[in-house]
Amino acid sequence: MAASVLVDAGFIVALLGRRDAHHPWAAAQAGQHPPPWRTCEAALSEAFHLLGPSGLPALAALLRRGALTVAFDLDDHVEPVL
């Protein structure tokens, strides 16, 4: 099992959106790779947008309990990124 897993907005939206076509896949991956999952601010912003207001409670719950954490700070890595 991986020590940490990096997730994008697609995974977050599919996991929380039970009607999403990829929800079964995301749920299976979540079972195989338990939290905490690492992400970035851009992925969170996209997930918030795609889920809309109805998805806010579930996404907020993942963040509050530490199941989803922001693991990248561009300020700390500007030169390698550039």
Protein backbone atom coordinates (compact mmCIF):
# COMPACT_ATOMS: atom_id res chain seq x y z
CA MET A 1 0.00 0.00 0.00
CA ALA A 2 1.21 3.51 -0.76
CA ALA A 3 2.46 5.63 2.10
CA SER A 4 0.47 8.57 0.77
CA VAL A 5 -1.93 9.11 -2.08
CA LEU A 6 -2.24 12.27 -4.14
CA VAL A 7 -5.80 12.91 -5.33
CA ASP A 8 -7.22 15.35 -7.84
CA ALA A 9 -10.64 16.96 -8.12
CA GLY A 10 -11.93 14.09 -10.26
CA PHE A 11 -11.40 11.59 -7.45
CA ILE A 12 -12.92 13.90 -4.84
CA VAL A 13 -16.00 14.64 -6.94
CA ALA A 14 -16.48 10.97 -7.88
CA LEU A 15 -16.08 9.85 -4.26
CA LEU A 16 -18.58 12.36 -2.88
CA GLY A 17 -20.99 12.37 -5.81
CA ARG A 18 -22.96 9.14 -5.56
CA ARG A 19 -24.54 9.83 -8.96
CA ASP A 20 -21.15 10.35 -10.60
CA ALA A 21 -20.38 7.69 -13.21
CA HIS A 22 -17.01 7.05 -11.55
CA HIS A 23 -18.32 6.82 -7.98
CA PRO A 24 -17.95 3.01 -7.73
CA TRP A 25 -14.33 3.25 -8.87
CA ALA A 26 -13.55 6.08 -6.43
CA ALA A 27 -15.20 4.23 -3.55
CA ALA A 28 -13.19 1.10 -4.36
CA GLN A 29 -9.95 3.12 -4.48
CA ALA A 30 -10.82 4.78 -1.18
CA GLY A 31 -11.19 1.34 0.37
CA GLN A 32 -7.82 0.19 -0.96
CA HIS A 33 -6.01 3.45 -0.14
CA PRO A 34 -7.45 4.82 3.10
CA PRO A 35 -7.03 8.46 4.11
CA PRO A 36 -5.38 10.75 4.58
CA TRP A 37 -5.38 11.71 0.93
CA ARG A 38 -3.20 14.58 -0.21
CA THR A 39 -4.29 17.27 -2.63
CA CYS A 40 -3.65 20.91 -3.51
CA GLU A 41 -5.64 24.13 -3.34
CA ALA A 42 -6.39 24.04 -7.07
CA ALA A 43 -7.98 20.58 -6.80
CA LEU A 44 -10.01 21.69 -3.78
CA SER A 45 -11.22 24.78 -5.61
CA GLU A 46 -12.27 22.70 -8.61
CA ALA A 47 -14.00 20.12 -6.40
CA PHE A 48 -15.91 22.83 -4.51
CA HIS A 49 -17.02 24.31 -7.83
CA LEU A 50 -18.06 20.99 -9.39
CA LEU A 51 -19.87 19.71 -6.30
CA GLY A 52 -21.70 22.99 -5.71
CA PRO A 53 -23.35 24.04 -2.47
CA SER A 54 -24.91 20.62 -1.90
CA GLY A 55 -21.46 19.02 -1.82
CA LEU A 56 -20.00 21.47 0.67
CA PRO A 57 -20.90 19.55 3.86
CA ALA A 58 -19.28 16.31 2.70
CA LEU A 59 -16.14 18.02 1.39
CA ALA A 60 -15.86 20.13 4.53
CA ALA A 61 -16.18 16.98 6.64
CA LEU A 62 -13.25 15.34 4.81
CA LEU A 63 -11.13 18.42 5.45
CA ARG A 64 -12.15 18.85 9.08
CA ARG A 65 -11.37 15.27 10.04
CA GLY A 66 -8.04 15.32 8.19
CA ALA A 67 -9.02 12.70 5.60
CA LEU A 68 -8.11 15.22 2.89
CA THR A 69 -5.06 17.42 3.41
CA VAL A 70 -3.32 20.07 1.36
CA ALA A 71 0.18 18.75 0.76
CA PHE A 72 1.70 21.25 -1.64
CA ASP A 73 2.62 24.87 -1.12
CA LEU A 74 3.86 26.56 -4.27
CA ASP A 75 5.69 29.18 -2.24
CA ASP A 76 7.97 26.44 -0.92
CA HIS A 77 8.66 25.01 -4.38
CA VAL A 78 8.63 27.89 -6.85
CA GLU A 79 12.08 27.32 -8.32
CA PRO A 80 11.76 23.56 -8.89
CA VAL A 81 8.33 24.10 -10.48
CA LEU A 82 9.64 26.83 -12.77
